[in-house]
Amino acid sequence: MTALLTLLRTEISAAQRHGDIDSAADPKRLAALLLTVVRGIEAVGKAGLDAETLRNIADTALSVLPMSEGQKRLATGRSPAREM
């Protein structure tokens, strides 16, 4: 588990440097979250959940990762609201 957490933390940090994930997010906490989701998907998959449901779980987990402002604009197709 330690090796997997380290690998995930390294990849999350790389995604932060590339502007895909908010740089203010804690990579250690995000790594723990993703590892828990992956292991949970593995467990419920073995228990019989269908592939489509497992993909939906993965998609939902990825969608809640904190995006950088640039990624938010790409996802919504518009600039964030300006403060007045």
PDB file of N, CA and C in Angstrom:
ATOM      1  N   MET A   1       0.818  -1.195   0.000  1.00  0.00           N
ATOM      2  CA  MET A   1       0.000   0.000   0.000  1.00  0.00           C
ATOM      3  C   MET A   1       0.862   1.260   0.000  1.00  0.00           C
ATOM      4  N   THR A   2       1.954   1.214   0.716  1.00  0.00           N
ATOM      5  CA  THR A   2       2.830   2.383   0.768  1.00  0.00           C
ATOM      6  C   THR A   2       3.375   2.718  -0.611  1.00  0.00           C
ATOM      7  N   ALA A   3       3.765   1.700  -1.363  1.00  0.00           N
ATOM      8  CA  ALA A   3       4.298   1.930  -2.715  1.00  0.00           C
ATOM      9  C   ALA A   3       3.221   2.516  -3.626  1.00  0.00           C
ATOM     10  N   LEU A   4       1.991   2.022  -3.515  1.00  0.00           N
ATOM     11  CA  LEU A   4       0.900   2.551  -4.331  1.00  0.00           C
ATOM     12  C   LEU A   4       0.586   3.998  -3.961  1.00  0.00           C
ATOM     13  N   LEU A   5       0.572   4.296  -2.681  1.00  0.00           N
ATOM     14  CA  LEU A   5       0.329   5.678  -2.241  1.00  0.00           C
ATOM     15  C   LEU A   5       1.421   6.611  -2.762  1.00  0.00           C
ATOM     16  N   THR A   6       2.659   6.150  -2.712  1.00  0.00           N
ATOM     17  CA  THR A   6       3.775   6.960  -3.210  1.00  0.00           C
ATOM     18  C   THR A   6       3.628   7.207  -4.707  1.00  0.00           C
ATOM     19  N   LEU A   7       3.288   6.168  -5.457  1.00  0.00           N
ATOM     20  CA  LEU A   7       3.103   6.299  -6.902  1.00  0.00           C
ATOM     21  C   LEU A   7       1.970   7.281  -7.226  1.00  0.00           C
ATOM     22  N   LEU A   8       0.846   7.128  -6.546  1.00  0.00           N
ATOM     23  CA  LEU A   8      -0.280   8.034  -6.777  1.00  0.00           C
ATOM     24  C   LEU A   8       0.076   9.469  -6.409  1.00  0.00           C
ATOM     25  N   ARG A   9       0.749   9.648  -5.293  1.00  0.00           N
ATOM     26  CA  ARG A   9       1.149  10.991  -4.869  1.00  0.00           C
ATOM     27  C   ARG A   9       2.082  11.625  -5.908  1.00  0.00           C
ATOM     28  N   THR A  10       3.000  10.839  -6.453  1.00  0.00           N
ATOM     29  CA  THR A  10       3.911  11.330  -7.484  1.00  0.00           C
ATOM     30  C   THR A  10       3.150  11.760  -8.725  1.00  0.00           C
ATOM     31  N   GLU A  11       2.179  10.960  -9.143  1.00  0.00           N
ATOM     32  CA  GLU A  11       1.399  11.283 -10.341  1.00  0.00           C
ATOM     33  C   GLU A  11       0.490  12.489 -10.119  1.00  0.00           C
ATOM     34  N   ILE A  12      -0.071  12.595  -8.934  1.00  0.00           N
ATOM     35  CA  ILE A  12      -0.920  13.753  -8.617  1.00  0.00           C
ATOM     36  C   ILE A  12      -0.074  15.023  -8.611  1.00  0.00           C
ATOM     37  N   SER A  13       1.115  14.951  -8.039  1.00  0.00           N
ATOM     38  CA  SER A  13       2.009  16.113  -8.037  1.00  0.00           C
ATOM     39  C   SER A  13       2.370  16.519  -9.464  1.00  0.00           C
ATOM     40  N   ALA A  14       2.595  15.545 -10.339  1.00  0.00           N
ATOM     41  CA  ALA A  14       2.889  15.836 -11.744  1.00  0.00           C
ATOM     42  C   ALA A  14       1.685  16.510 -12.406  1.00  0.00           C
ATOM     43  N   ALA A  15       0.480  16.019 -12.112  1.00  0.00           N
ATOM     44  CA  ALA A  15      -0.733  16.625 -12.670  1.00  0.00           C
ATOM     45  C   ALA A  15      -0.903  18.054 -12.168  1.00  0.00           C
ATOM     46  N   GLN A  16      -0.491  18.309 -10.943  1.00  0.00           N
ATOM     47  CA  GLN A  16      -0.551  19.668 -10.412  1.00  0.00           C
ATOM     48  C   GLN A  16       0.449  20.570 -11.140  1.00  0.00           C
ATOM     49  N   ARG A  17       1.646  20.073 -11.383  1.00  0.00           N
ATOM     50  CA  ARG A  17       2.646  20.870 -12.101  1.00  0.00           C
ATOM     51  C   ARG A  17       2.201  21.180 -13.524  1.00  0.00           C
ATOM     52  N   HIS A  18       1.443  20.275 -14.120  1.00  0.00           N
ATOM     53  CA  HIS A  18       0.960  20.475 -15.488  1.00  0.00           C
ATOM     54  C   HIS A  18      -0.356  21.255 -15.534  1.00  0.00           C
ATOM     55  N   GLY A  19      -0.901  21.611 -14.380  1.00  0.00           N
ATOM     56  CA  GLY A  19      -2.102  22.432 -14.334  1.00  0.00           C
ATOM     57  C   GLY A  19      -3.404  21.670 -14.458  1.00  0.00           C
ATOM     58  N   ASP A  20      -3.368  20.346 -14.304  1.00  0.00           N
ATOM     59  CA  ASP A  20      -4.596  19.560 -14.404  1.00  0.00           C
ATOM     60  C   ASP A  20      -5.352  19.467 -13.080  1.00  0.00           C
ATOM     61  N   ILE A  21      -4.617  19.501 -11.985  1.00  0.00           N
ATOM     62  CA  ILE A  21      -5.210  19.437 -10.648  1.00  0.00           C
ATOM     63  C   ILE A  21      -4.771  20.689  -9.894  1.00  0.00           C
ATOM     64  N   ASP A  22      -5.675  21.253  -9.115  1.00  0.00           N
ATOM     65  CA  ASP A  22      -5.403  22.453  -8.327  1.00  0.00           C
ATOM     66  C   ASP A  22      -4.134  22.270  -7.496  1.00  0.00           C
ATOM     67  N   SER A  23      -3.207  23.199  -7.647  1.00  0.00           N
ATOM     68  CA  SER A  23      -1.928  23.098  -6.942  1.00  0.00           C
ATOM     69  C   SER A  23      -2.078  23.273  -5.429  1.00  0.00           C
ATOM     70  N   ALA A  24      -3.201  23.813  -4.979  1.00  0.00           N
ATOM     71  CA  ALA A  24      -3.421  23.996  -3.539  1.00  0.00           C
ATOM     72  C   ALA A  24      -3.878  22.709  -2.853  1.00  0.00           C
ATOM     73  N   ALA A  25      -4.267  21.713  -3.638  1.00  0.00           N
ATOM     74  CA  ALA A  25      -4.752  20.455  -3.065  1.00  0.00           C
ATOM     75  C   ALA A  25      -3.584  19.651  -2.487  1.00  0.00           C
ATOM     76  N   ASP A  26      -3.858  18.902  -1.455  1.00  0.00           N
ATOM     77  CA  ASP A  26      -2.841  18.083  -0.792  1.00  0.00           C
ATOM     78  C   ASP A  26      -2.692  16.750  -1.541  1.00  0.00           C
ATOM     79  N   PRO A  27      -1.558  16.532  -2.226  1.00  0.00           N
ATOM     80  CA  PRO A  27      -1.395  15.302  -3.002  1.00  0.00           C
ATOM     81  C   PRO A  27      -1.434  14.033  -2.146  1.00  0.00           C
ATOM     82  N   LYS A  28      -1.011  14.131  -0.907  1.00  0.00           N
ATOM     83  CA  LYS A  28      -1.036  12.965  -0.016  1.00  0.00           C
ATOM     84  C   LYS A  28      -2.479  12.545   0.267  1.00  0.00           C
ATOM     85  N   ARG A  29      -3.332  13.511   0.538  1.00  0.00           N
ATOM     86  CA  ARG A  29      -4.746  13.202   0.803  1.00  0.00           C
ATOM     87  C   ARG A  29      -5.451  12.697  -0.456  1.00  0.00           C
ATOM     88  N   LEU A  30      -5.165  13.319  -1.592  1.00  0.00           N
ATOM     89  CA  LEU A  30      -5.786  12.860  -2.837  1.00  0.00           C
ATOM     90  C   LEU A  30      -5.331  11.450  -3.192  1.00  0.00           C
ATOM     91  N   ALA A  31      -4.062  11.145  -2.941  1.00  0.00           N
ATOM     92  CA  ALA A  31      -3.547   9.797  -3.201  1.00  0.00           C
ATOM     93  C   ALA A  31      -4.287   8.776  -2.337  1.00  0.00           C
ATOM     94  N   ALA A  32      -4.490   9.099  -1.069  1.00  0.00           N
ATOM     95  CA  ALA A  32      -5.213   8.185  -0.174  1.00  0.00           C
ATOM     96  C   ALA A  32      -6.655   7.994  -0.640  1.00  0.00           C
ATOM     97  N   LEU A  33      -7.284   9.076  -1.080  1.00  0.00           N
ATOM     98  CA  LEU A  33      -8.651   8.978  -1.593  1.00  0.00           C
ATOM     99  C   LEU A  33      -8.713   8.070  -2.819  1.00  0.00           C
ATOM    100  N   LEU A  34      -7.826   8.312  -3.778  1.00  0.00           N
ATOM    101  CA  LEU A  34      -7.846   7.509  -5.002  1.00  0.00           C
ATOM    102  C   LEU A  34      -7.530   6.050  -4.735  1.00  0.00           C
ATOM    103  N   LEU A  35      -6.584   5.784  -3.853  1.00  0.00           N
ATOM    104  CA  LEU A  35      -6.274   4.390  -3.526  1.00  0.00           C
ATOM    105  C   LEU A  35      -7.477   3.706  -2.897  1.00  0.00           C
ATOM    106  N   THR A  36      -8.172   4.414  -2.035  1.00  0.00           N
ATOM    107  CA  THR A  36      -9.369   3.854  -1.397  1.00  0.00           C
ATOM    108  C   THR A  36     -10.454   3.573  -2.427  1.00  0.00           C
ATOM    109  N   VAL A  37     -10.634   4.477  -3.373  1.00  0.00           N
ATOM    110  CA  VAL A  37     -11.637   4.279  -4.426  1.00  0.00           C
ATOM    111  C   VAL A  37     -11.258   3.082  -5.291  1.00  0.00           C
ATOM    112  N   VAL A  38      -9.988   3.007  -5.689  1.00  0.00           N
ATOM    113  CA  VAL A  38      -9.546   1.885  -6.532  1.00  0.00           C
ATOM    114  C   VAL A  38      -9.750   0.557  -5.816  1.00  0.00           C
ATOM    115  N   ARG A  39      -9.356   0.491  -4.572  1.00  0.00           N
ATOM    116  CA  ARG A  39      -9.517  -0.767  -3.824  1.00  0.00           C
ATOM    117  C   ARG A  39     -10.996  -1.075  -3.587  1.00  0.00           C
ATOM    118  N   GLY A  40     -11.806  -0.034  -3.399  1.00  0.00           N
ATOM    119  CA  GLY A  40     -13.243  -0.242  -3.251  1.00  0.00           C
ATOM    120  C   GLY A  40     -13.866  -0.757  -4.533  1.00  0.00           C
ATOM    121  N   ILE A  41     -13.455  -0.210  -5.665  1.00  0.00           N
ATOM    122  CA  ILE A  41     -13.954  -0.691  -6.957  1.00  0.00           C
ATOM    123  C   ILE A  41     -13.560  -2.155  -7.147  1.00  0.00           C
ATOM    124  N   GLU A  42     -12.339  -2.468  -6.780  1.00  0.00           N
ATOM    125  CA  GLU A  42     -11.875  -3.857  -6.876  1.00  0.00           C
ATOM    126  C   GLU A  42     -12.762  -4.788  -6.038  1.00  0.00           C
ATOM    127  N   ALA A  43     -13.064  -4.364  -4.824  1.00  0.00           N
ATOM    128  CA  ALA A  43     -13.876  -5.196  -3.926  1.00  0.00           C
ATOM    129  C   ALA A  43     -15.299  -5.384  -4.431  1.00  0.00           C
ATOM    130  N   VAL A  44     -15.941  -4.283  -4.838  1.00  0.00           N
ATOM    131  CA  VAL A  44     -17.329  -4.416  -5.281  1.00  0.00           C
ATOM    132  C   VAL A  44     -17.410  -5.090  -6.651  1.00  0.00           C
ATOM    133  N   GLY A  45     -16.346  -4.967  -7.435  1.00  0.00           N
ATOM    134  CA  GLY A  45     -16.293  -5.698  -8.699  1.00  0.00           C
ATOM    135  C   GLY A  45     -16.256  -7.199  -8.451  1.00  0.00           C
ATOM    136  N   LYS A  46     -15.463  -7.615  -7.485  1.00  0.00           N
ATOM    137  CA  LYS A  46     -15.401  -9.040  -7.123  1.00  0.00           C
ATOM    138  C   LYS A  46     -16.721  -9.510  -6.536  1.00  0.00           C
ATOM    139  N   ALA A  47     -17.466  -8.594  -5.932  1.00  0.00           N
ATOM    140  CA  ALA A  47     -18.759  -8.946  -5.341  1.00  0.00           C
ATOM    141  C   ALA A  47     -19.866  -9.028  -6.387  1.00  0.00           C
ATOM    142  N   GLY A  48     -19.565  -8.601  -7.629  1.00  0.00           N
ATOM    143  CA  GLY A  48     -20.532  -8.802  -8.685  1.00  0.00           C
ATOM    144  C   GLY A  48     -21.114  -7.578  -9.356  1.00  0.00           C
ATOM    145  N   LEU A  49     -20.684  -6.366  -8.974  1.00  0.00           N
ATOM    146  CA  LEU A  49     -21.207  -5.192  -9.677  1.00  0.00           C
ATOM    147  C   LEU A  49     -20.757  -5.233 -11.135  1.00  0.00           C
ATOM    148  N   ASP A  50     -21.626  -4.785 -12.016  1.00  0.00           N
ATOM    149  CA  ASP A  50     -21.334  -4.841 -13.446  1.00  0.00           C
ATOM    150  C   ASP A  50     -20.307  -3.786 -13.848  1.00  0.00           C
ATOM    151  N   ALA A  51     -19.694  -4.000 -15.022  1.00  0.00           N
ATOM    152  CA  ALA A  51     -18.617  -3.130 -15.511  1.00  0.00           C
ATOM    153  C   ALA A  51     -19.070  -1.685 -15.694  1.00  0.00           C
ATOM    154  N   GLU A  52     -20.281  -1.477 -16.166  1.00  0.00           N
ATOM    155  CA  GLU A  52     -20.765  -0.107 -16.372  1.00  0.00           C
ATOM    156  C   GLU A  52     -20.851   0.643 -15.044  1.00  0.00           C
ATOM    157  N   THR A  53     -21.340  -0.003 -14.016  1.00  0.00           N
ATOM    158  CA  THR A  53     -21.421   0.623 -12.695  1.00  0.00           C
ATOM    159  C   THR A  53     -20.028   0.944 -12.170  1.00  0.00           C
ATOM    160  N   LEU A  54     -19.090   0.038 -12.372  1.00  0.00           N
ATOM    161  CA  LEU A  54     -17.719   0.270 -11.922  1.00  0.00           C
ATOM    162  C   LEU A  54     -17.099   1.459 -12.655  1.00  0.00           C
ATOM    163  N   ARG A  55     -17.351   1.563 -13.952  1.00  0.00           N
ATOM    164  CA  ARG A  55     -16.855   2.717 -14.717  1.00  0.00           C
ATOM    165  C   ARG A  55     -17.486   4.011 -14.216  1.00  0.00           C
ATOM    166  N   ASN A  56     -18.766   3.960 -13.911  1.00  0.00           N
ATOM    167  CA  ASN A  56     -19.446   5.157 -13.388  1.00  0.00           C
ATOM    168  C   ASN A  56     -18.854   5.589 -12.048  1.00  0.00           C
ATOM    169  N   ILE A  57     -18.515   4.639 -11.209  1.00  0.00           N
ATOM    170  CA  ILE A  57     -17.889   4.951  -9.924  1.00  0.00           C
ATOM    171  C   ILE A  57     -16.547   5.637 -10.164  1.00  0.00           C
ATOM    172  N   ALA A  58     -15.748   5.079 -11.063  1.00  0.00           N
ATOM    173  CA  ALA A  58     -14.439   5.666 -11.372  1.00  0.00           C
ATOM    174  C   ALA A  58     -14.593   7.071 -11.949  1.00  0.00           C
ATOM    175  N   ASP A  59     -15.532   7.240 -12.879  1.00  0.00           N
ATOM    176  CA  ASP A  59     -15.766   8.557 -13.478  1.00  0.00           C
ATOM    177  C   ASP A  59     -16.173   9.583 -12.423  1.00  0.00           C
ATOM    178  N   THR A  60     -17.033   9.177 -11.506  1.00  0.00           N
ATOM    179  CA  THR A  60     -17.481  10.080 -10.449  1.00  0.00           C
ATOM    180  C   THR A  60     -16.316  10.459  -9.538  1.00  0.00           C
ATOM    181  N   ALA A  61     -15.498   9.483  -9.178  1.00  0.00           N
ATOM    182  CA  ALA A  61     -14.340   9.774  -8.321  1.00  0.00           C
ATOM    183  C   ALA A  61     -13.401  10.767  -8.992  1.00  0.00           C
ATOM    184  N   LEU A  62     -13.147  10.586 -10.279  1.00  0.00           N
ATOM    185  CA  LEU A  62     -12.263  11.505 -10.992  1.00  0.00           C
ATOM    186  C   LEU A  62     -12.879  12.890 -11.127  1.00  0.00           C
ATOM    187  N   SER A  63     -14.202  12.947 -11.251  1.00  0.00           N
ATOM    188  CA  SER A  63     -14.864  14.241 -11.437  1.00  0.00           C
ATOM    189  C   SER A  63     -14.823  15.114 -10.186  1.00  0.00           C
ATOM    190  N   VAL A  64     -14.595  14.532  -9.027  1.00  0.00           N
ATOM    191  CA  VAL A  64     -14.558  15.337  -7.806  1.00  0.00           C
ATOM    192  C   VAL A  64     -13.145  15.798  -7.449  1.00  0.00           C
ATOM    193  N   LEU A  65     -12.146  15.420  -8.243  1.00  0.00           N
ATOM    194  CA  LEU A  65     -10.801  15.920  -7.987  1.00  0.00           C
ATOM    195  C   LEU A  65     -10.784  17.432  -8.215  1.00  0.00           C
ATOM    196  N   PRO A  66     -10.064  18.168  -7.383  1.00  0.00           N
ATOM    197  CA  PRO A  66     -10.037  19.630  -7.525  1.00  0.00           C
ATOM    198  C   PRO A  66      -9.252  20.048  -8.771  1.00  0.00           C
ATOM    199  N   MET A  67      -9.949  20.630  -9.730  1.00  0.00           N
ATOM    200  CA  MET A  67      -9.314  21.073 -10.968  1.00  0.00           C
ATOM    201  C   MET A  67      -8.711  22.458 -10.795  1.00  0.00           C
ATOM    202  N   SER A  68      -7.692  22.732 -11.594  1.00  0.00           N
ATOM    203  CA  SER A  68      -7.138  24.090 -11.627  1.00  0.00           C
ATOM    204  C   SER A  68      -8.141  24.990 -12.332  1.00  0.00           C
ATOM    205  N   GLU A  69      -7.980  26.290 -12.193  1.00  0.00           N
ATOM    206  CA  GLU A  69      -8.901  27.233 -12.842  1.00  0.00           C
ATOM    207  C   GLU A  69      -8.897  27.046 -14.363  1.00  0.00           C
ATOM    208  N   GLY A  70      -7.727  26.793 -14.939  1.00  0.00           N
ATOM    209  CA  GLY A  70      -7.646  26.570 -16.380  1.00  0.00           C
ATOM    210  C   GLY A  70      -8.441  25.358 -16.814  1.00  0.00           C
ATOM    211  N   GLN A  71      -8.374  24.299 -16.049  1.00  0.00           N
ATOM    212  CA  GLN A  71      -9.125  23.082 -16.369  1.00  0.00           C
ATOM    213  C   GLN A  71     -10.622  23.310 -16.190  1.00  0.00           C
ATOM    214  N   LYS A  72     -11.009  24.122 -15.202  1.00  0.00           N
ATOM    215  CA  LYS A  72     -12.433  24.423 -15.000  1.00  0.00           C
ATOM    216  C   LYS A  72     -12.988  25.151 -16.218  1.00  0.00           C
ATOM    217  N   ARG A  73     -12.199  26.098 -16.753  1.00  0.00           N
ATOM    218  CA  ARG A  73     -12.643  26.826 -17.948  1.00  0.00           C
ATOM    219  C   ARG A  73     -12.791  25.873 -19.121  1.00  0.00           C
ATOM    220  N   LEU A  74     -11.848  24.950 -19.286  1.00  0.00           N
ATOM    221  CA  LEU A  74     -11.947  23.984 -20.378  1.00  0.00           C
ATOM    222  C   LEU A  74     -13.166  23.087 -20.214  1.00  0.00           C
ATOM    223  N   ALA A  75     -13.446  22.681 -18.985  1.00  0.00           N
ATOM    224  CA  ALA A  75     -14.564  21.778 -18.727  1.00  0.00           C
ATOM    225  C   ALA A  75     -15.910  22.447 -18.959  1.00  0.00           C
ATOM    226  N   THR A  76     -16.010  23.734 -18.633  1.00  0.00           N
ATOM    227  CA  THR A  76     -17.295  24.422 -18.763  1.00  0.00           C
ATOM    228  C   THR A  76     -17.406  25.208 -20.050  1.00  0.00           C
ATOM    229  N   GLY A  77     -16.271  25.466 -20.681  1.00  0.00           N
ATOM    230  CA  GLY A  77     -16.282  26.239 -21.907  1.00  0.00           C
ATOM    231  C   GLY A  77     -16.449  27.737 -21.673  1.00  0.00           C
ATOM    232  N   ARG A  78     -16.277  28.178 -20.432  1.00  0.00           N
ATOM    233  CA  ARG A  78     -16.408  29.617 -20.146  1.00  0.00           C
ATOM    234  C   ARG A  78     -15.464  30.008 -19.021  1.00  0.00           C
ATOM    235  N   SER A  79     -15.214  31.274 -18.926  1.00  0.00           N
ATOM    236  CA  SER A  79     -14.340  31.803 -17.878  1.00  0.00           C
ATOM    237  C   SER A  79     -15.100  31.845 -16.554  1.00  0.00           C
ATOM    238  N   PRO A  80     -14.374  31.692 -15.440  1.00  0.00           N
ATOM    239  CA  PRO A  80     -15.046  31.805 -14.139  1.00  0.00           C
ATOM    240  C   PRO A  80     -15.608  33.212 -13.966  1.00  0.00           C
ATOM    241  N   ALA A  81     -16.639  33.329 -13.146  1.00  0.00           N
ATOM    242  CA  ALA A  81     -17.275  34.634 -12.907  1.00  0.00           C
ATOM    243  C   ALA A  81     -16.249  35.594 -12.321  1.00  0.00           C
ATOM    244  N   ARG A  82     -16.284  36.824 -12.787  1.00  0.00           N
ATOM    245  CA  ARG A  82     -15.373  37.839 -12.267  1.00  0.00           C
ATOM    246  C   ARG A  82     -15.940  38.428 -10.990  1.00  0.00           C
ATOM    247  N   GLU A  83     -15.024  38.666 -10.055  1.00  0.00           N
ATOM    248  CA  GLU A  83     -15.446  39.285  -8.787  1.00  0.00           C
ATOM    249  C   GLU A  83     -15.648  40.770  -8.997  1.00  0.00           C
ATOM    250  N   MET A  84     -16.617  41.320  -8.333  1.00  0.00           N
ATOM    251  CA  MET A  84     -16.882  42.763  -8.456  1.00  0.00           C
ATOM    252  C   MET A  84     -16.567  43.435  -7.167  1.00  0.00           C
TER     253      MET A  84
END
